[in-house]
Amino acid sequence: MNDIEKNIVQFLTSRGFLDGKKTVKEKESLTETGVIDSIGLLQLVDYLESTYKIEIPMELITPENFDTLNGISQSVMNLKK
């Protein structure tokens, strides 16, 4: 798990989306497992934008890019370039 993925897990835990008992794998769907919903996704996007000083275009927020830790991490890394 890379640093971005760890930060996402910490954010999800701090906001109550994950408790200390539940874990999520890097390629596991955050929506299908019930970890995050649409409002949580918007909170996560806001967190990522402020933490990494990036702007995430709405058209980038797709299931391919924002449904797994791995996809989110890759999207953030691409936007930071």
N, C-alpha and C. Protein backbone atom coordinates (compact mmCIF):
# COMPACT_ATOMS: atom_id res chain seq x y z
N MET A 1 0.85 -1.18 0.00
CA MET A 1 0.00 0.00 0.00
C MET A 1 0.90 1.24 0.00
N ASN A 2 0.66 2.14 -0.95
CA ASN A 2 1.50 3.35 -1.02
C ASN A 2 0.97 4.43 -0.06
N ASP A 3 1.70 5.54 0.02
CA ASP A 3 1.35 6.61 0.97
C ASP A 3 -0.02 7.22 0.69
N ILE A 4 -0.37 7.39 -0.58
CA ILE A 4 -1.68 7.96 -0.91
C ILE A 4 -2.78 7.02 -0.44
N GLU A 5 -2.62 5.73 -0.69
CA GLU A 5 -3.62 4.76 -0.25
C GLU A 5 -3.73 4.75 1.28
N LYS A 6 -2.61 4.85 1.97
CA LYS A 6 -2.63 4.90 3.44
C LYS A 6 -3.38 6.15 3.92
N ASN A 7 -3.13 7.29 3.26
CA ASN A 7 -3.83 8.52 3.63
C ASN A 7 -5.33 8.39 3.41
N ILE A 8 -5.72 7.73 2.32
CA ILE A 8 -7.14 7.53 2.04
C ILE A 8 -7.78 6.67 3.13
N VAL A 9 -7.10 5.59 3.52
CA VAL A 9 -7.62 4.71 4.57
C VAL A 9 -7.73 5.48 5.89
N GLN A 10 -6.73 6.30 6.20
CA GLN A 10 -6.79 7.11 7.42
C GLN A 10 -7.97 8.08 7.38
N PHE A 11 -8.19 8.71 6.22
CA PHE A 11 -9.33 9.61 6.06
C PHE A 11 -10.64 8.86 6.26
N LEU A 12 -10.78 7.71 5.60
CA LEU A 12 -12.02 6.93 5.71
C LEU A 12 -12.26 6.47 7.14
N THR A 13 -11.20 6.13 7.84
CA THR A 13 -11.33 5.71 9.24
C THR A 13 -11.71 6.89 10.12
N SER A 14 -11.07 8.04 9.91
CA SER A 14 -11.34 9.21 10.75
C SER A 14 -12.76 9.74 10.55
N ARG A 15 -13.33 9.53 9.38
CA ARG A 15 -14.69 10.00 9.10
C ARG A 15 -15.76 8.94 9.37
N GLY A 16 -15.34 7.78 9.86
CA GLY A 16 -16.31 6.75 10.23
C GLY A 16 -16.74 5.84 9.09
N PHE A 17 -16.13 5.97 7.93
CA PHE A 17 -16.47 5.08 6.81
C PHE A 17 -15.89 3.68 7.04
N LEU A 18 -14.75 3.63 7.70
CA LEU A 18 -14.12 2.37 8.08
C LEU A 18 -13.97 2.37 9.59
N ASP A 19 -14.24 1.23 10.20
CA ASP A 19 -13.93 1.14 11.62
C ASP A 19 -12.61 0.37 11.76
N GLY A 20 -12.13 0.25 12.95
CA GLY A 20 -10.86 -0.40 13.17
C GLY A 20 -10.84 -1.87 12.79
N LYS A 21 -12.02 -2.48 12.67
CA LYS A 21 -12.10 -3.91 12.39
C LYS A 21 -12.14 -4.21 10.89
N LYS A 22 -12.69 -3.30 10.12
CA LYS A 22 -12.85 -3.53 8.68
C LYS A 22 -11.65 -3.00 7.92
N THR A 23 -11.18 -3.79 6.99
CA THR A 23 -10.08 -3.35 6.14
C THR A 23 -10.56 -3.39 4.69
N VAL A 24 -9.84 -2.72 3.84
CA VAL A 24 -10.17 -2.72 2.43
C VAL A 24 -8.89 -2.97 1.64
N LYS A 25 -8.99 -3.82 0.65
CA LYS A 25 -7.84 -4.14 -0.19
C LYS A 25 -7.69 -3.09 -1.27
N GLU A 26 -6.49 -3.01 -1.85
CA GLU A 26 -6.16 -1.97 -2.82
C GLU A 26 -7.06 -1.99 -4.05
N LYS A 27 -7.51 -3.18 -4.47
CA LYS A 27 -8.32 -3.27 -5.69
C LYS A 27 -9.76 -3.66 -5.40
N GLU A 28 -10.18 -3.53 -4.16
CA GLU A 28 -11.54 -3.86 -3.75
C GLU A 28 -12.44 -2.63 -3.92
N SER A 29 -13.64 -2.85 -4.43
CA SER A 29 -14.58 -1.76 -4.67
C SER A 29 -15.04 -1.13 -3.36
N LEU A 30 -14.87 0.18 -3.26
CA LEU A 30 -15.30 0.89 -2.05
C LEU A 30 -16.81 1.02 -2.01
N THR A 31 -17.46 1.07 -3.16
CA THR A 31 -18.92 1.20 -3.18
C THR A 31 -19.60 -0.15 -2.99
N GLU A 32 -19.10 -1.17 -3.65
CA GLU A 32 -19.73 -2.49 -3.54
C GLU A 32 -19.61 -3.07 -2.14
N THR A 33 -18.54 -2.72 -1.43
CA THR A 33 -18.36 -3.20 -0.06
C THR A 33 -19.08 -2.33 0.96
N GLY A 34 -19.68 -1.23 0.47
CA GLY A 34 -20.44 -0.35 1.36
C GLY A 34 -19.58 0.58 2.18
N VAL A 35 -18.32 0.71 1.83
CA VAL A 35 -17.42 1.58 2.58
C VAL A 35 -17.78 3.04 2.35
N ILE A 36 -18.10 3.39 1.12
CA ILE A 36 -18.31 4.80 0.79
C ILE A 36 -19.55 4.96 -0.09
N ASP A 37 -20.23 6.07 0.06
CA ASP A 37 -21.39 6.38 -0.78
C ASP A 37 -21.09 7.68 -1.54
N SER A 38 -22.06 8.22 -2.22
CA SER A 38 -21.81 9.40 -3.05
C SER A 38 -21.39 10.62 -2.22
N ILE A 39 -21.98 10.80 -1.07
CA ILE A 39 -21.60 11.93 -0.22
C ILE A 39 -20.19 11.72 0.32
N GLY A 40 -19.88 10.51 0.71
CA GLY A 40 -18.54 10.19 1.17
C GLY A 40 -17.51 10.40 0.08
N LEU A 41 -17.89 10.08 -1.15
CA LEU A 41 -16.98 10.28 -2.27
C LEU A 41 -16.67 11.76 -2.46
N LEU A 42 -17.68 12.61 -2.33
CA LEU A 42 -17.45 14.05 -2.45
C LEU A 42 -16.54 14.56 -1.33
N GLN A 43 -16.72 14.03 -0.13
CA GLN A 43 -15.85 14.40 0.99
C GLN A 43 -14.42 13.95 0.72
N LEU A 44 -14.27 12.76 0.17
CA LEU A 44 -12.95 12.24 -0.16
C LEU A 44 -12.27 13.09 -1.23
N VAL A 45 -13.02 13.47 -2.25
CA VAL A 45 -12.47 14.31 -3.32
C VAL A 45 -12.00 15.65 -2.73
N ASP A 46 -12.79 16.24 -1.87
CA ASP A 46 -12.41 17.51 -1.23
C ASP A 46 -11.13 17.33 -0.42
N TYR A 47 -11.05 16.24 0.33
CA TYR A 47 -9.86 15.94 1.13
C TYR A 47 -8.63 15.79 0.24
N LEU A 48 -8.76 15.04 -0.85
CA LEU A 48 -7.62 14.81 -1.75
C LEU A 48 -7.17 16.11 -2.41
N GLU A 49 -8.13 16.93 -2.82
CA GLU A 49 -7.78 18.21 -3.45
C GLU A 49 -7.00 19.10 -2.49
N SER A 50 -7.45 19.19 -1.25
CA SER A 50 -6.76 20.06 -0.29
C SER A 50 -5.44 19.46 0.19
N THR A 51 -5.38 18.16 0.34
CA THR A 51 -4.16 17.51 0.82
C THR A 51 -3.05 17.54 -0.21
N TYR A 52 -3.40 17.26 -1.45
CA TYR A 52 -2.39 17.14 -2.50
C TYR A 52 -2.31 18.36 -3.42
N LYS A 53 -3.07 19.41 -3.09
CA LYS A 53 -3.04 20.66 -3.86
C LYS A 53 -3.28 20.40 -5.35
N ILE A 54 -4.35 19.65 -5.62
CA ILE A 54 -4.73 19.34 -7.00
C ILE A 54 -6.19 19.69 -7.20
N GLU A 55 -6.61 19.74 -8.43
CA GLU A 55 -8.02 19.91 -8.76
C GLU A 55 -8.46 18.67 -9.52
N ILE A 56 -9.48 18.01 -9.01
CA ILE A 56 -9.97 16.79 -9.63
C ILE A 56 -11.20 17.13 -10.47
N PRO A 57 -11.07 17.06 -11.79
CA PRO A 57 -12.21 17.37 -12.65
C PRO A 57 -13.33 16.34 -12.47
N MET A 58 -14.56 16.78 -12.51
CA MET A 58 -15.71 15.88 -12.31
C MET A 58 -15.70 14.72 -13.30
N GLU A 59 -15.24 14.96 -14.53
CA GLU A 59 -15.25 13.88 -15.52
C GLU A 59 -14.24 12.79 -15.18
N LEU A 60 -13.31 13.06 -14.27
CA LEU A 60 -12.35 12.04 -13.84
C LEU A 60 -12.94 11.12 -12.76
N ILE A 61 -14.01 11.56 -12.14
CA ILE A 61 -14.61 10.78 -11.05
C ILE A 61 -15.54 9.73 -11.64
N THR A 62 -14.94 8.62 -12.05
CA THR A 62 -15.65 7.50 -12.65
C THR A 62 -15.38 6.25 -11.83
N PRO A 63 -16.18 5.21 -11.99
CA PRO A 63 -15.91 3.96 -11.26
C PRO A 63 -14.50 3.42 -11.53
N GLU A 64 -14.00 3.59 -12.74
CA GLU A 64 -12.66 3.10 -13.06
C GLU A 64 -11.59 3.84 -12.26
N ASN A 65 -11.80 5.11 -12.01
CA ASN A 65 -10.80 5.94 -11.33
C ASN A 65 -11.02 6.09 -9.83
N PHE A 66 -12.25 6.03 -9.37
CA PHE A 66 -12.54 6.39 -7.98
C PHE A 66 -13.34 5.35 -7.21
N ASP A 67 -13.17 4.07 -7.54
CA ASP A 67 -13.90 3.04 -6.79
C ASP A 67 -12.98 2.13 -5.99
N THR A 68 -11.67 2.21 -6.23
CA THR A 68 -10.72 1.40 -5.48
C THR A 68 -9.60 2.29 -4.96
N LEU A 69 -8.93 1.84 -3.92
CA LEU A 69 -7.78 2.59 -3.41
C LEU A 69 -6.74 2.76 -4.50
N ASN A 70 -6.51 1.69 -5.25
CA ASN A 70 -5.51 1.73 -6.32
C ASN A 70 -5.88 2.75 -7.39
N GLY A 71 -7.13 2.75 -7.83
CA GLY A 71 -7.58 3.68 -8.86
C GLY A 71 -7.50 5.12 -8.40
N ILE A 72 -7.90 5.37 -7.16
CA ILE A 72 -7.85 6.74 -6.62
C ILE A 72 -6.40 7.20 -6.53
N SER A 73 -5.55 6.33 -6.02
CA SER A 73 -4.14 6.66 -5.88
C SER A 73 -3.50 6.98 -7.23
N GLN A 74 -3.79 6.17 -8.24
CA GLN A 74 -3.24 6.42 -9.57
C GLN A 74 -3.75 7.75 -10.14
N SER A 75 -5.02 8.04 -9.92
CA SER A 75 -5.58 9.31 -10.40
C SER A 75 -4.89 10.50 -9.74
N VAL A 76 -4.68 10.41 -8.43
CA VAL A 76 -4.02 11.50 -7.71
C VAL A 76 -2.58 11.66 -8.20
N MET A 77 -1.86 10.55 -8.38
CA MET A 77 -0.49 10.63 -8.86
C MET A 77 -0.43 11.25 -10.26
N ASN A 78 -1.37 10.90 -11.13
CA ASN A 78 -1.40 11.48 -12.47
C ASN A 78 -1.68 12.98 -12.44
N LEU A 79 -2.54 13.41 -11.53
CA LEU A 79 -2.86 14.84 -11.43
C LEU A 79 -1.73 15.66 -10.80
N LYS A 80 -0.91 15.01 -10.01
CA LYS A 80 0.21 15.71 -9.36
C LYS A 80 1.34 15.99 -10.33
N LYS A 81 1.38 15.30 -11.46
CA LYS A 81 2.49 15.46 -12.43
C LYS A 81 2.44 16.79 -13.12
